[in-house]
Structures are given as structure tokens and as C-alpha cells.
N, C-alpha and C. Protein backbone atom coordinates (compact mmCIF):
# COMPACT_ATOMS: atom_id res chain seq x y z
N MET A 1 30.18 3.42 -32.20
CA MET A 1 29.33 4.10 -33.16
C MET A 1 28.59 3.09 -34.03
N GLU A 2 29.23 1.97 -34.30
CA GLU A 2 28.61 0.95 -35.16
C GLU A 2 27.32 0.42 -34.55
N SER A 3 27.29 0.26 -33.23
CA SER A 3 26.08 -0.26 -32.58
C SER A 3 24.90 0.69 -32.75
N HIS A 4 25.17 1.99 -32.79
CA HIS A 4 24.10 2.96 -33.00
C HIS A 4 23.51 2.80 -34.40
N LYS A 5 24.36 2.55 -35.37
CA LYS A 5 23.88 2.35 -36.74
C LYS A 5 23.06 1.08 -36.84
N GLN A 6 23.51 0.02 -36.17
CA GLN A 6 22.78 -1.24 -36.20
C GLN A 6 21.42 -1.10 -35.53
N ARG A 7 21.34 -0.23 -34.54
CA ARG A 7 20.08 -0.02 -33.84
C ARG A 7 19.00 0.49 -34.79
N TYR A 8 19.38 1.38 -35.72
CA TYR A 8 18.40 1.86 -36.70
C TYR A 8 17.87 0.71 -37.54
N CYS A 9 18.76 -0.18 -37.93
CA CYS A 9 18.35 -1.31 -38.76
C CYS A 9 17.45 -2.26 -38.00
N THR A 10 17.80 -2.56 -36.75
CA THR A 10 16.99 -3.51 -35.99
C THR A 10 15.65 -2.91 -35.57
N LYS A 11 15.58 -1.60 -35.45
CA LYS A 11 14.28 -0.96 -35.18
C LYS A 11 13.39 -1.03 -36.41
N THR A 12 14.00 -1.01 -37.57
CA THR A 12 13.25 -1.00 -38.82
C THR A 12 12.85 -2.40 -39.24
N TRP A 13 13.77 -3.36 -39.12
CA TRP A 13 13.52 -4.73 -39.56
C TRP A 13 13.85 -5.71 -38.44
N PRO A 14 13.05 -6.77 -38.29
CA PRO A 14 13.39 -7.81 -37.32
C PRO A 14 14.70 -8.50 -37.73
N CYS A 15 15.35 -9.12 -36.77
CA CYS A 15 16.65 -9.76 -37.02
C CYS A 15 16.57 -10.87 -38.06
N ASP A 16 15.43 -11.53 -38.16
CA ASP A 16 15.31 -12.65 -39.09
C ASP A 16 14.84 -12.22 -40.48
N THR A 17 14.89 -10.92 -40.77
CA THR A 17 14.46 -10.42 -42.07
C THR A 17 15.43 -10.85 -43.16
N ASN A 18 14.89 -11.33 -44.24
CA ASN A 18 15.70 -11.69 -45.40
C ASN A 18 16.15 -10.39 -46.08
N PRO A 19 17.45 -10.17 -46.23
CA PRO A 19 17.93 -8.92 -46.84
C PRO A 19 17.39 -8.70 -48.26
N ASP A 20 17.09 -9.78 -48.96
CA ASP A 20 16.55 -9.63 -50.32
C ASP A 20 15.14 -9.07 -50.32
N SER A 21 14.45 -9.15 -49.19
CA SER A 21 13.07 -8.65 -49.13
C SER A 21 12.99 -7.17 -48.79
N VAL A 22 14.13 -6.56 -48.50
CA VAL A 22 14.16 -5.14 -48.13
C VAL A 22 14.33 -4.31 -49.40
N SER A 23 13.44 -3.36 -49.59
CA SER A 23 13.49 -2.54 -50.81
C SER A 23 14.59 -1.48 -50.72
N ASP A 24 14.97 -0.98 -51.88
CA ASP A 24 15.97 0.09 -51.93
C ASP A 24 15.46 1.34 -51.22
N ILE A 25 14.17 1.59 -51.30
CA ILE A 25 13.59 2.77 -50.64
C ILE A 25 13.71 2.64 -49.13
N GLN A 26 13.47 1.44 -48.60
CA GLN A 26 13.61 1.22 -47.16
C GLN A 26 15.06 1.40 -46.71
N ILE A 27 15.97 0.90 -47.50
CA ILE A 27 17.40 1.05 -47.17
C ILE A 27 17.79 2.51 -47.21
N LYS A 28 17.32 3.24 -48.22
CA LYS A 28 17.62 4.66 -48.35
C LYS A 28 17.09 5.44 -47.14
N HIS A 29 15.93 5.05 -46.64
CA HIS A 29 15.35 5.72 -45.48
C HIS A 29 16.27 5.58 -44.25
N VAL A 30 16.74 4.37 -43.98
CA VAL A 30 17.63 4.15 -42.84
C VAL A 30 18.97 4.85 -43.08
N GLU A 31 19.44 4.81 -44.31
CA GLU A 31 20.69 5.51 -44.65
C GLU A 31 20.56 7.00 -44.36
N ASP A 32 19.43 7.59 -44.72
CA ASP A 32 19.21 9.02 -44.46
C ASP A 32 19.15 9.31 -42.96
N LEU A 33 18.51 8.41 -42.20
CA LEU A 33 18.47 8.59 -40.74
C LEU A 33 19.87 8.62 -40.15
N ILE A 34 20.71 7.70 -40.60
CA ILE A 34 22.07 7.62 -40.07
C ILE A 34 22.90 8.83 -40.50
N ASN A 35 22.83 9.19 -41.77
CA ASN A 35 23.66 10.27 -42.30
C ASN A 35 23.23 11.66 -41.85
N ASN A 36 21.99 11.80 -41.36
CA ASN A 36 21.51 13.11 -40.93
C ASN A 36 21.36 13.23 -39.42
N ARG A 37 21.95 12.30 -38.69
CA ARG A 37 21.89 12.32 -37.23
C ARG A 37 23.14 13.01 -36.69
N PRO A 38 22.97 14.06 -35.88
CA PRO A 38 24.14 14.71 -35.28
C PRO A 38 24.90 13.72 -34.39
N MET A 39 26.23 13.79 -34.45
CA MET A 39 27.06 12.87 -33.68
C MET A 39 28.03 13.65 -32.80
N LYS A 40 28.14 13.22 -31.56
CA LYS A 40 29.03 13.87 -30.61
C LYS A 40 30.47 13.87 -31.11
N CYS A 41 30.91 12.73 -31.68
CA CYS A 41 32.30 12.62 -32.13
C CYS A 41 32.61 13.56 -33.30
N LEU A 42 31.58 14.11 -33.93
CA LEU A 42 31.77 15.05 -35.03
C LEU A 42 31.40 16.47 -34.61
N GLY A 43 31.42 16.73 -33.32
CA GLY A 43 31.05 18.05 -32.82
C GLY A 43 29.59 18.36 -33.05
N TYR A 44 28.75 17.33 -32.98
CA TYR A 44 27.31 17.42 -33.17
C TYR A 44 26.93 17.86 -34.58
N GLN A 45 27.80 17.58 -35.51
CA GLN A 45 27.47 17.75 -36.92
C GLN A 45 27.00 16.40 -37.45
N THR A 46 26.30 16.42 -38.57
CA THR A 46 25.87 15.16 -39.19
C THR A 46 26.96 14.67 -40.13
N LEU A 47 26.88 13.40 -40.51
CA LEU A 47 27.83 12.86 -41.48
C LEU A 47 27.73 13.62 -42.80
N ASN A 48 26.51 13.98 -43.20
CA ASN A 48 26.35 14.72 -44.45
C ASN A 48 27.00 16.10 -44.38
N GLU A 49 26.88 16.77 -43.25
CA GLU A 49 27.49 18.09 -43.10
C GLU A 49 29.01 18.00 -43.17
N VAL A 50 29.58 17.01 -42.49
CA VAL A 50 31.04 16.84 -42.51
C VAL A 50 31.50 16.50 -43.92
N TYR A 51 30.77 15.63 -44.59
CA TYR A 51 31.12 15.24 -45.97
C TYR A 51 31.11 16.46 -46.89
N GLU A 52 30.05 17.25 -46.82
CA GLU A 52 29.95 18.45 -47.67
C GLU A 52 31.08 19.43 -47.37
N PHE A 53 31.39 19.63 -46.10
CA PHE A 53 32.46 20.54 -45.70
C PHE A 53 33.79 20.08 -46.29
N GLU A 54 34.09 18.80 -46.14
CA GLU A 54 35.36 18.27 -46.65
C GLU A 54 35.42 18.33 -48.18
N MET A 55 34.32 18.04 -48.84
CA MET A 55 34.29 18.11 -50.30
C MET A 55 34.49 19.55 -50.78
N ASN A 56 33.90 20.51 -50.08
CA ASN A 56 34.10 21.92 -50.44
C ASN A 56 35.55 22.34 -50.25
N LYS A 57 36.20 21.85 -49.18
CA LYS A 57 37.62 22.15 -48.97
C LYS A 57 38.46 21.60 -50.12
N LEU A 58 38.17 20.37 -50.53
CA LEU A 58 38.91 19.78 -51.65
C LEU A 58 38.68 20.56 -52.94
N HIS A 59 37.45 20.98 -53.15
CA HIS A 59 37.12 21.75 -54.35
C HIS A 59 37.87 23.08 -54.36
N GLN A 60 37.89 23.77 -53.22
CA GLN A 60 38.60 25.04 -53.13
C GLN A 60 40.09 24.85 -53.36
N LYS A 61 40.65 23.78 -52.81
CA LYS A 61 42.07 23.49 -53.00
C LYS A 61 42.36 23.24 -54.47
N SER A 62 41.48 22.51 -55.13
CA SER A 62 41.64 22.22 -56.55
C SER A 62 41.59 23.51 -57.37
N LEU A 63 40.67 24.40 -57.03
CA LEU A 63 40.57 25.68 -57.75
C LEU A 63 41.84 26.51 -57.58
N ARG A 64 42.39 26.53 -56.36
CA ARG A 64 43.62 27.29 -56.12
C ARG A 64 44.78 26.71 -56.92
N GLN A 65 44.87 25.38 -56.99
CA GLN A 65 45.94 24.75 -57.75
C GLN A 65 45.79 25.05 -59.24
N ASN A 66 44.57 25.01 -59.73
CA ASN A 66 44.34 25.32 -61.14
C ASN A 66 44.70 26.77 -61.45
N ASN A 67 44.38 27.68 -60.55
CA ASN A 67 44.72 29.09 -60.76
C ASN A 67 46.23 29.28 -60.82
N LYS A 68 46.98 28.56 -59.98
CA LYS A 68 48.44 28.65 -60.01
C LYS A 68 48.98 28.15 -61.34
N ILE A 69 48.41 27.07 -61.84
CA ILE A 69 48.86 26.52 -63.12
C ILE A 69 48.58 27.52 -64.24
N TYR A 70 47.39 28.12 -64.23
CA TYR A 70 47.05 29.09 -65.27
C TYR A 70 47.97 30.31 -65.21
N GLN A 71 48.31 30.73 -64.00
CA GLN A 71 49.21 31.88 -63.85
C GLN A 71 50.60 31.54 -64.38
N GLN A 72 51.07 30.33 -64.13
CA GLN A 72 52.38 29.92 -64.62
C GLN A 72 52.39 29.85 -66.14
N VAL A 73 51.32 29.34 -66.72
CA VAL A 73 51.22 29.26 -68.18
C VAL A 73 51.20 30.66 -68.77
N ALA A 74 50.50 31.58 -68.14
CA ALA A 74 50.43 32.95 -68.63
C ALA A 74 51.80 33.62 -68.57
N LEU A 75 52.58 33.33 -67.55
CA LEU A 75 53.91 33.91 -67.43
C LEU A 75 54.85 33.37 -68.51
N VAL A 76 54.70 32.12 -68.86
CA VAL A 76 55.55 31.51 -69.88
C VAL A 76 55.25 32.09 -71.25
N ASN A 77 53.99 32.34 -71.51
CA ASN A 77 53.59 32.89 -72.82
C ASN A 77 53.94 34.32 -72.85
């Protein structure tokens, strides 16, 4: 998978490019290409989709835990 990511960089910049000469906007563009590319190993989902899905699962788990704590506090009072 790493070679696929490097391919985006080498298509964008020649190998002898000074990294200091690459702007943040150019880096962001390649980053977006990589993060929004469907990948077979992820069931043809993008890295961004998988990240959002996992973050939502963590958020839901956190909400459930907080609700349990609030219910326990209510029972004690």
C-alpha cells in the first residue's frame, strides 16, 4: 500500500524536488487524493470513510458510557 501512496507523490513532484519548496496547499492536495481513494483492503471504502465510521463508533460508545454514569448517579440520589 505504501508504494501506491508514493506514486501520488512522484506523479506530483520529481524525485529531486526539495521538500522545502513544496507548499502546504500542494501537500494537502496529495493528502486528499490518498485519503479519498477507495482501497480494496478496506472493502473499497476510503480512508476518510473508515476514519469517520470508527470515530462515530467511539462517540456512540462514549455517549452510552456517560448515560450509564448519569443513571447510576440518579439512582444514588
